[in-house]
């Protein structure tokens, strides 16, 4: 029974240390994508192009109906 209490205390301490480490290592930019990042910018441009082409297609089909 004493070993179980010691093990629980060790686990509790390790958990607290882990949470403290994660809190200290996080930055403000961890919660969102930076729109100035080249990879994110390319993805956003591709999505934007798909939206524009799709909108133009539906407008074209509506006009020619």
N, C-alpha and C. Protein backbone atom coordinates (compact mmCIF):
# COMPACT_ATOMS: atom_id res chain seq x y z
N UNK A 1 0.83 -1.18 0.00
CA UNK A 1 0.00 0.00 0.00
C UNK A 1 0.88 1.25 0.00
N UNK A 2 1.98 1.18 0.73
CA UNK A 2 2.89 2.33 0.80
C UNK A 2 3.54 2.57 -0.57
N UNK A 3 3.85 1.49 -1.29
CA UNK A 3 4.44 1.62 -2.63
C UNK A 3 3.47 2.30 -3.59
N UNK A 4 2.19 2.00 -3.45
CA UNK A 4 1.18 2.62 -4.32
C UNK A 4 1.11 4.11 -4.07
N UNK A 5 1.17 4.53 -2.81
CA UNK A 5 1.12 5.96 -2.48
C UNK A 5 2.35 6.68 -3.03
N UNK A 6 3.50 6.06 -2.91
CA UNK A 6 4.72 6.65 -3.44
C UNK A 6 4.64 6.78 -4.97
N UNK A 7 4.11 5.73 -5.60
CA UNK A 7 3.96 5.74 -7.06
C UNK A 7 2.98 6.83 -7.50
N UNK A 8 1.89 7.00 -6.76
CA UNK A 8 0.93 8.05 -7.08
C UNK A 8 1.55 9.43 -6.92
N UNK A 9 2.34 9.62 -5.88
CA UNK A 9 3.00 10.91 -5.66
C UNK A 9 4.01 11.20 -6.77
N UNK A 10 4.75 10.18 -7.19
CA UNK A 10 5.72 10.35 -8.28
C UNK A 10 4.99 10.71 -9.57
N UNK A 11 3.90 10.01 -9.86
CA UNK A 11 3.12 10.32 -11.06
C UNK A 11 2.54 11.72 -11.02
N UNK A 12 2.06 12.11 -9.85
CA UNK A 12 1.50 13.46 -9.69
C UNK A 12 2.58 14.52 -9.91
N UNK A 13 3.76 14.30 -9.33
CA UNK A 13 4.86 15.25 -9.49
C UNK A 13 5.31 15.31 -10.95
N UNK A 14 5.42 14.16 -11.61
CA UNK A 14 5.81 14.13 -13.02
C UNK A 14 4.80 14.86 -13.88
N UNK A 15 3.53 14.68 -13.58
CA UNK A 15 2.46 15.35 -14.34
C UNK A 15 2.56 16.87 -14.16
N UNK A 16 2.77 17.32 -12.95
CA UNK A 16 2.91 18.75 -12.68
C UNK A 16 4.13 19.32 -13.40
N UNK A 17 5.24 18.60 -13.36
CA UNK A 17 6.44 19.05 -14.05
C UNK A 17 6.22 19.14 -15.55
N UNK A 18 5.52 18.14 -16.10
CA UNK A 18 5.23 18.13 -17.54
C UNK A 18 4.34 19.32 -17.93
N UNK A 19 3.29 19.57 -17.16
CA UNK A 19 2.39 20.69 -17.45
C UNK A 19 3.13 22.02 -17.35
N UNK A 20 4.01 22.15 -16.37
CA UNK A 20 4.78 23.38 -16.22
C UNK A 20 5.72 23.57 -17.41
N UNK A 21 6.37 22.50 -17.84
CA UNK A 21 7.27 22.56 -18.99
C UNK A 21 6.51 22.96 -20.25
N UNK A 22 5.33 22.37 -20.49
CA UNK A 22 4.54 22.70 -21.67
C UNK A 22 4.08 24.15 -21.65
N UNK A 23 3.72 24.64 -20.48
CA UNK A 23 3.27 26.02 -20.36
C UNK A 23 4.41 26.99 -20.63
N UNK A 24 5.60 26.68 -20.15
CA UNK A 24 6.75 27.55 -20.36
C UNK A 24 7.24 27.53 -21.80
N UNK A 25 7.08 26.42 -22.49
CA UNK A 25 7.61 26.30 -23.85
C UNK A 25 6.64 26.79 -24.91
N UNK A 26 5.39 27.04 -24.55
CA UNK A 26 4.44 27.50 -25.56
C UNK A 26 4.66 28.98 -25.86
N UNK A 27 4.29 29.36 -27.07
CA UNK A 27 4.40 30.76 -27.47
C UNK A 27 3.03 31.24 -27.93
N UNK A 28 2.92 32.51 -28.19
CA UNK A 28 1.65 33.07 -28.64
C UNK A 28 1.27 32.55 -30.02
N UNK A 29 2.26 32.18 -30.83
CA UNK A 29 1.99 31.74 -32.19
C UNK A 29 1.61 30.27 -32.26
N UNK A 30 1.59 29.56 -31.15
CA UNK A 30 1.23 28.14 -31.18
C UNK A 30 -0.25 27.93 -31.49
N UNK A 31 -1.08 28.93 -31.31
CA UNK A 31 -2.52 28.74 -31.41
C UNK A 31 -3.10 29.10 -32.77
N UNK A 32 -2.32 29.61 -33.71
CA UNK A 32 -2.87 29.94 -35.01
C UNK A 32 -1.80 29.78 -36.08
N UNK A 33 -2.24 29.72 -37.34
CA UNK A 33 -1.32 29.62 -38.47
C UNK A 33 -0.89 31.03 -38.84
N UNK A 34 0.38 31.23 -39.06
CA UNK A 34 0.91 32.51 -39.46
C UNK A 34 0.65 32.70 -40.95
N UNK A 35 -0.14 33.71 -41.30
CA UNK A 35 -0.50 33.89 -42.71
C UNK A 35 0.67 34.39 -43.54
N UNK A 36 1.77 34.79 -42.92
CA UNK A 36 2.96 35.20 -43.67
C UNK A 36 3.89 34.04 -43.99
N UNK A 37 3.59 32.88 -43.45
CA UNK A 37 4.38 31.69 -43.72
C UNK A 37 4.17 31.31 -45.20
N UNK A 38 5.24 31.08 -45.96
CA UNK A 38 5.08 30.77 -47.39
C UNK A 38 4.21 29.55 -47.67
N UNK A 39 4.32 28.51 -46.88
CA UNK A 39 3.51 27.31 -47.11
C UNK A 39 2.03 27.61 -46.90
N UNK A 40 1.71 28.34 -45.84
CA UNK A 40 0.32 28.70 -45.56
C UNK A 40 -0.20 29.63 -46.66
N UNK A 41 0.64 30.54 -47.10
CA UNK A 41 0.23 31.47 -48.16
C UNK A 41 -0.10 30.72 -49.45
N UNK A 42 0.69 29.71 -49.80
CA UNK A 42 0.42 28.92 -51.01
C UNK A 42 -0.91 28.17 -50.86
N UNK A 43 -1.13 27.58 -49.71
CA UNK A 43 -2.39 26.86 -49.47
C UNK A 43 -3.58 27.81 -49.59
N UNK A 44 -3.46 29.00 -49.00
CA UNK A 44 -4.55 29.97 -49.07
C UNK A 44 -4.78 30.45 -50.50
N UNK A 45 -3.72 30.63 -51.26
CA UNK A 45 -3.87 31.04 -52.66
C UNK A 45 -4.56 29.96 -53.48
N UNK A 46 -4.22 28.70 -53.24
CA UNK A 46 -4.87 27.59 -53.96
C UNK A 46 -6.36 27.55 -53.62
N UNK A 47 -6.68 27.67 -52.36
CA UNK A 47 -8.09 27.66 -51.95
C UNK A 47 -8.82 28.85 -52.57
N UNK A 48 -8.20 30.02 -52.56
CA UNK A 48 -8.80 31.21 -53.17
C UNK A 48 -9.03 31.02 -54.66
N UNK A 49 -8.07 30.42 -55.36
CA UNK A 49 -8.22 30.19 -56.80
C UNK A 49 -9.36 29.23 -57.07
N UNK A 50 -9.50 28.19 -56.27
CA UNK A 50 -10.60 27.23 -56.43
C UNK A 50 -11.94 27.94 -56.24
N UNK A 51 -12.02 28.80 -55.25
CA UNK A 51 -13.26 29.54 -55.00
C UNK A 51 -13.59 30.46 -56.17
N UNK A 52 -12.60 31.18 -56.69
CA UNK A 52 -12.83 32.08 -57.81
C UNK A 52 -13.26 31.33 -59.07
N UNK A 53 -12.57 30.24 -59.38
CA UNK A 53 -12.92 29.46 -60.57
C UNK A 53 -14.32 28.85 -60.41
N UNK A 54 -14.64 28.35 -59.25
CA UNK A 54 -15.97 27.78 -59.02
C UNK A 54 -17.06 28.83 -59.12
N UNK A 55 -16.83 29.99 -58.55
CA UNK A 55 -17.81 31.08 -58.64
C UNK A 55 -18.00 31.52 -60.09
N UNK A 56 -16.90 31.68 -60.81
CA UNK A 56 -16.98 32.09 -62.21
C UNK A 56 -17.74 31.05 -63.03
N UNK A 57 -17.54 29.78 -62.77
CA UNK A 57 -18.24 28.71 -63.48
C UNK A 57 -19.75 28.80 -63.25
N UNK A 58 -20.16 28.97 -62.00
CA UNK A 58 -21.58 29.02 -61.71
C UNK A 58 -22.22 30.29 -62.28
N UNK A 59 -21.52 31.40 -62.27
CA UNK A 59 -22.04 32.63 -62.88
C UNK A 59 -22.18 32.44 -64.38
N UNK A 60 -21.20 31.83 -65.02
CA UNK A 60 -21.24 31.56 -66.45
C UNK A 60 -22.41 30.65 -66.80
N UNK A 61 -22.60 29.59 -65.99
CA UNK A 61 -23.70 28.67 -66.26
C UNK A 61 -25.05 29.35 -66.05
N UNK A 62 -25.15 30.25 -65.09
CA UNK A 62 -26.40 30.96 -64.81
C UNK A 62 -26.75 31.92 -65.96
N UNK A 63 -25.72 32.60 -66.46
CA UNK A 63 -25.94 33.57 -67.53
C UNK A 63 -26.34 32.85 -68.83
N UNK A 64 -25.73 31.72 -69.13
CA UNK A 64 -25.99 31.01 -70.38
C UNK A 64 -27.18 30.06 -70.32
N UNK A 65 -27.95 30.11 -69.29
CA UNK A 65 -29.07 29.19 -69.15
C UNK A 65 -30.24 29.57 -70.01
